[in-house]
Amino acid sequence: MLRITKEFHFSASHVLDGLPSWHPCARMHGHNYVVVLELSARQEDLVGPGFVRDYRDLDDFKKWVDHTLDHRHLNESMGGGGPPTAENLSTWIFGRWIDRYPDLTAVRVSETPKTWAEYRPGH
């Protein structure tokens, strides 16, 4: 199995309801998010000159991130995607893009340089 990844960046705010009032995430705050898409293919399924997928095929995802998530309030942008935690954000993004990218195998979301959440179905 071969895997590729591509990283995307956006800035957004959110509030995590249900936390104690003293918890900093209970207040509106923002992050500089990093989203990493992972796509996979078997050797015999490579396309073109030997790609899992041409990275340019991910341009639509970048446009969507810029339009839907960047400089937005995630509590509103995610609609019914659950509270805007990194965990829920990774799951929500995967669900919205798996039909467009059937070779999508994982979505990773970082809120800070030291923290990551990953959605990988079946694991």
C-alpha atoms as a PDB file:
ATOM      1  CA  MET A   1       0.000   0.000   0.000  1.00  0.00           C
ATOM      2  CA  LEU A   2       1.262   3.446  -0.927  1.00  0.00           C
ATOM      3  CA  ARG A   3       0.173   6.567   0.940  1.00  0.00           C
ATOM      4  CA  ILE A   4       0.397  10.259   0.186  1.00  0.00           C
ATOM      5  CA  THR A   5      -0.520  13.206   2.381  1.00  0.00           C
ATOM      6  CA  LYS A   6      -1.151  16.876   1.815  1.00  0.00           C
ATOM      7  CA  GLU A   7      -1.407  19.576   4.440  1.00  0.00           C
ATOM      8  CA  PHE A   8      -3.887  22.473   4.479  1.00  0.00           C
ATOM      9  CA  HIS A   9      -4.069  25.452   6.869  1.00  0.00           C
ATOM     10  CA  PHE A  10      -6.862  27.658   8.127  1.00  0.00           C
ATOM     11  CA  SER A  11      -7.685  29.879  11.102  1.00  0.00           C
ATOM     12  CA  ALA A  12     -11.016  29.681  12.896  1.00  0.00           C
ATOM     13  CA  SER A  13     -12.770  30.165  16.221  1.00  0.00           C
ATOM     14  CA  HIS A  14     -14.877  27.793  18.279  1.00  0.00           C
ATOM     15  CA  VAL A  15     -16.453  27.284  21.694  1.00  0.00           C
ATOM     16  CA  LEU A  16     -16.692  23.906  23.393  1.00  0.00           C
ATOM     17  CA  ASP A  17     -19.920  23.788  25.368  1.00  0.00           C
ATOM     18  CA  GLY A  18     -20.301  21.536  28.374  1.00  0.00           C
ATOM     19  CA  LEU A  19     -16.929  22.321  29.916  1.00  0.00           C
ATOM     20  CA  PRO A  20     -16.548  23.936  33.352  1.00  0.00           C
ATOM     21  CA  SER A  21     -16.638  27.733  33.203  1.00  0.00           C
ATOM     22  CA  TRP A  22     -13.004  27.944  34.310  1.00  0.00           C
ATOM     23  CA  HIS A  23     -11.819  25.837  31.344  1.00  0.00           C
ATOM     24  CA  PRO A  24     -10.269  28.078  28.650  1.00  0.00           C
ATOM     25  CA  CYS A  25     -11.986  26.129  25.852  1.00  0.00           C
ATOM     26  CA  ALA A  26     -15.391  27.029  27.322  1.00  0.00           C
ATOM     27  CA  ARG A  27     -14.767  30.578  26.096  1.00  0.00           C
ATOM     28  CA  MET A  28     -14.676  31.574  22.439  1.00  0.00           C
ATOM     29  CA  HIS A  29     -11.137  31.199  21.196  1.00  0.00           C
ATOM     30  CA  GLY A  30      -9.309  30.413  17.986  1.00  0.00           C
ATOM     31  CA  HIS A  31      -6.630  28.219  16.503  1.00  0.00           C
ATOM     32  CA  ASN A  32      -4.419  28.060  13.474  1.00  0.00           C
ATOM     33  CA  TYR A  33      -5.547  24.648  12.277  1.00  0.00           C
ATOM     34  CA  VAL A  34      -3.671  22.161  10.148  1.00  0.00           C
ATOM     35  CA  VAL A  35      -5.598  19.483   8.253  1.00  0.00           C
ATOM     36  CA  VAL A  36      -3.773  16.577   6.627  1.00  0.00           C
ATOM     37  CA  LEU A  37      -5.499  14.370   4.082  1.00  0.00           C
ATOM     38  CA  GLU A  38      -4.068  10.890   3.622  1.00  0.00           C
ATOM     39  CA  LEU A  39      -4.855   8.968   0.438  1.00  0.00           C
ATOM     40  CA  SER A  40      -3.808   5.387  -0.325  1.00  0.00           C
ATOM     41  CA  ALA A  41      -3.612   2.990  -3.240  1.00  0.00           C
ATOM     42  CA  ARG A  42      -2.166  -0.404  -4.023  1.00  0.00           C
ATOM     43  CA  GLN A  43       0.765  -0.510  -6.425  1.00  0.00           C
ATOM     44  CA  GLU A  44      -1.450  -1.913  -9.198  1.00  0.00           C
ATOM     45  CA  ASP A  45      -3.980   0.928  -8.763  1.00  0.00           C
ATOM     46  CA  LEU A  46      -1.562   3.825  -9.277  1.00  0.00           C
ATOM     47  CA  VAL A  47      -2.609   6.321 -11.945  1.00  0.00           C
ATOM     48  CA  GLY A  48      -0.740   8.386 -14.527  1.00  0.00           C
ATOM     49  CA  PRO A  49       2.992   8.142 -14.137  1.00  0.00           C
ATOM     50  CA  GLY A  50       2.628   6.265 -10.822  1.00  0.00           C
ATOM     51  CA  PHE A  51       0.537   8.505  -8.559  1.00  0.00           C
ATOM     52  CA  VAL A  52      -1.750   7.480  -5.731  1.00  0.00           C
ATOM     53  CA  ARG A  53      -3.470  10.679  -6.854  1.00  0.00           C
ATOM     54  CA  ASP A  54      -2.217  13.837  -8.527  1.00  0.00           C
ATOM     55  CA  TYR A  55      -1.844  16.421  -5.744  1.00  0.00           C
ATOM     56  CA  ARG A  56      -3.558  18.947  -8.017  1.00  0.00           C
ATOM     57  CA  ASP A  57      -6.736  16.882  -7.650  1.00  0.00           C
ATOM     58  CA  LEU A  58      -6.874  18.232  -4.090  1.00  0.00           C
ATOM     59  CA  ASP A  59      -7.315  21.841  -5.235  1.00  0.00           C
ATOM     60  CA  ASP A  60     -11.095  21.567  -4.709  1.00  0.00           C
ATOM     61  CA  PHE A  61     -10.509  20.623  -1.080  1.00  0.00           C
ATOM     62  CA  LYS A  62      -8.303  23.694  -0.587  1.00  0.00           C
ATOM     63  CA  LYS A  63     -11.003  25.919  -2.092  1.00  0.00           C
ATOM     64  CA  TRP A  64     -13.588  24.327   0.213  1.00  0.00           C
ATOM     65  CA  VAL A  65     -11.375  24.884   3.276  1.00  0.00           C
ATOM     66  CA  ASP A  66     -10.860  28.523   2.314  1.00  0.00           C
ATOM     67  CA  HIS A  67     -14.571  29.096   1.712  1.00  0.00           C
ATOM     68  CA  THR A  68     -16.102  26.974   4.507  1.00  0.00           C
ATOM     69  CA  LEU A  69     -13.617  26.968   7.388  1.00  0.00           C
ATOM     70  CA  ASP A  70     -11.051  29.750   7.113  1.00  0.00           C
ATOM     71  CA  HIS A  71     -11.801  32.738   9.333  1.00  0.00           C
ATOM     72  CA  ARG A  72     -15.135  31.218  10.352  1.00  0.00           C
ATOM     73  CA  HIS A  73     -16.749  30.163  13.613  1.00  0.00           C
ATOM     74  CA  LEU A  74     -16.681  26.355  13.533  1.00  0.00           C
ATOM     75  CA  ASN A  75     -19.756  26.010  15.758  1.00  0.00           C
ATOM     76  CA  GLU A  76     -21.683  27.487  12.830  1.00  0.00           C
ATOM     77  CA  SER A  77     -19.661  26.068   9.914  1.00  0.00           C
ATOM     78  CA  MET A  78     -19.909  22.435  11.007  1.00  0.00           C
ATOM     79  CA  GLY A  79     -23.694  22.467  11.283  1.00  0.00           C
ATOM     80  CA  GLY A  80     -24.634  19.021  12.579  1.00  0.00           C
ATOM     81  CA  GLY A  81     -21.053  17.799  12.827  1.00  0.00           C
ATOM     82  CA  GLY A  82     -21.099  17.774  16.623  1.00  0.00           C
ATOM     83  CA  PRO A  83     -19.089  19.992  18.947  1.00  0.00           C
ATOM     84  CA  PRO A  84     -16.136  21.465  17.024  1.00  0.00           C
ATOM     85  CA  THR A  85     -13.397  19.403  18.639  1.00  0.00           C
ATOM     86  CA  ALA A  86     -10.417  18.291  16.569  1.00  0.00           C
ATOM     87  CA  GLU A  87     -11.791  14.749  16.794  1.00  0.00           C
ATOM     88  CA  ASN A  88     -15.205  15.714  15.433  1.00  0.00           C
ATOM     89  CA  LEU A  89     -13.689  17.996  12.827  1.00  0.00           C
ATOM     90  CA  SER A  90     -11.542  15.162  11.425  1.00  0.00           C
ATOM     91  CA  THR A  91     -14.560  12.836  11.272  1.00  0.00           C
ATOM     92  CA  TRP A  92     -16.793  15.503   9.728  1.00  0.00           C
ATOM     93  CA  ILE A  93     -14.235  16.370   7.028  1.00  0.00           C
ATOM     94  CA  PHE A  94     -13.740  12.699   6.183  1.00  0.00           C
ATOM     95  CA  GLY A  95     -17.490  12.188   5.807  1.00  0.00           C
ATOM     96  CA  ARG A  96     -17.858  15.200   3.541  1.00  0.00           C
ATOM     97  CA  TRP A  97     -14.985  14.210   1.223  1.00  0.00           C
ATOM     98  CA  ILE A  98     -14.912  10.399   1.021  1.00  0.00           C
ATOM     99  CA  ASP A  99     -17.305  10.370  -1.954  1.00  0.00           C
ATOM    100  CA  ARG A 100     -15.109  12.827  -3.872  1.00  0.00           C
ATOM    101  CA  TYR A 101     -11.892  11.070  -2.840  1.00  0.00           C
ATOM    102  CA  PRO A 102     -12.651   7.338  -2.434  1.00  0.00           C
ATOM    103  CA  ASP A 103      -8.930   6.735  -1.845  1.00  0.00           C
ATOM    104  CA  LEU A 104      -9.086   8.926   1.290  1.00  0.00           C
ATOM    105  CA  THR A 105      -7.899   6.793   4.206  1.00  0.00           C
ATOM    106  CA  ALA A 106      -7.452   9.309   7.044  1.00  0.00           C
ATOM    107  CA  VAL A 107      -7.926  12.926   8.060  1.00  0.00           C
ATOM    108  CA  ARG A 108      -5.705  14.484  10.725  1.00  0.00           C
ATOM    109  CA  VAL A 109      -6.512  17.784  12.428  1.00  0.00           C
ATOM    110  CA  SER A 110      -4.197  19.852  14.605  1.00  0.00           C
ATOM    111  CA  GLU A 111      -5.227  22.798  16.746  1.00  0.00           C
ATOM    112  CA  THR A 112      -1.728  23.402  18.089  1.00  0.00           C
ATOM    113  CA  PRO A 113       1.734  22.281  16.975  1.00  0.00           C
ATOM    114  CA  LYS A 114       1.739  19.622  19.712  1.00  0.00           C
ATOM    115  CA  THR A 115      -1.764  18.150  19.373  1.00  0.00           C
ATOM    116  CA  TRP A 116      -3.384  15.996  16.688  1.00  0.00           C
ATOM    117  CA  ALA A 117      -6.626  14.083  16.240  1.00  0.00           C
ATOM    118  CA  GLU A 118      -7.019  11.542  13.459  1.00  0.00           C
ATOM    119  CA  TYR A 119     -10.033   9.847  11.938  1.00  0.00           C
ATOM    120  CA  ARG A 120      -9.191   6.583  10.203  1.00  0.00           C
ATOM    121  CA  PRO A 121     -12.268   4.404   9.572  1.00  0.00           C
ATOM    122  CA  GLY A 122     -12.055   0.836  10.771  1.00  0.00           C
ATOM    123  CA  HIS A 123      -9.248   1.492  13.253  1.00  0.00           C
END
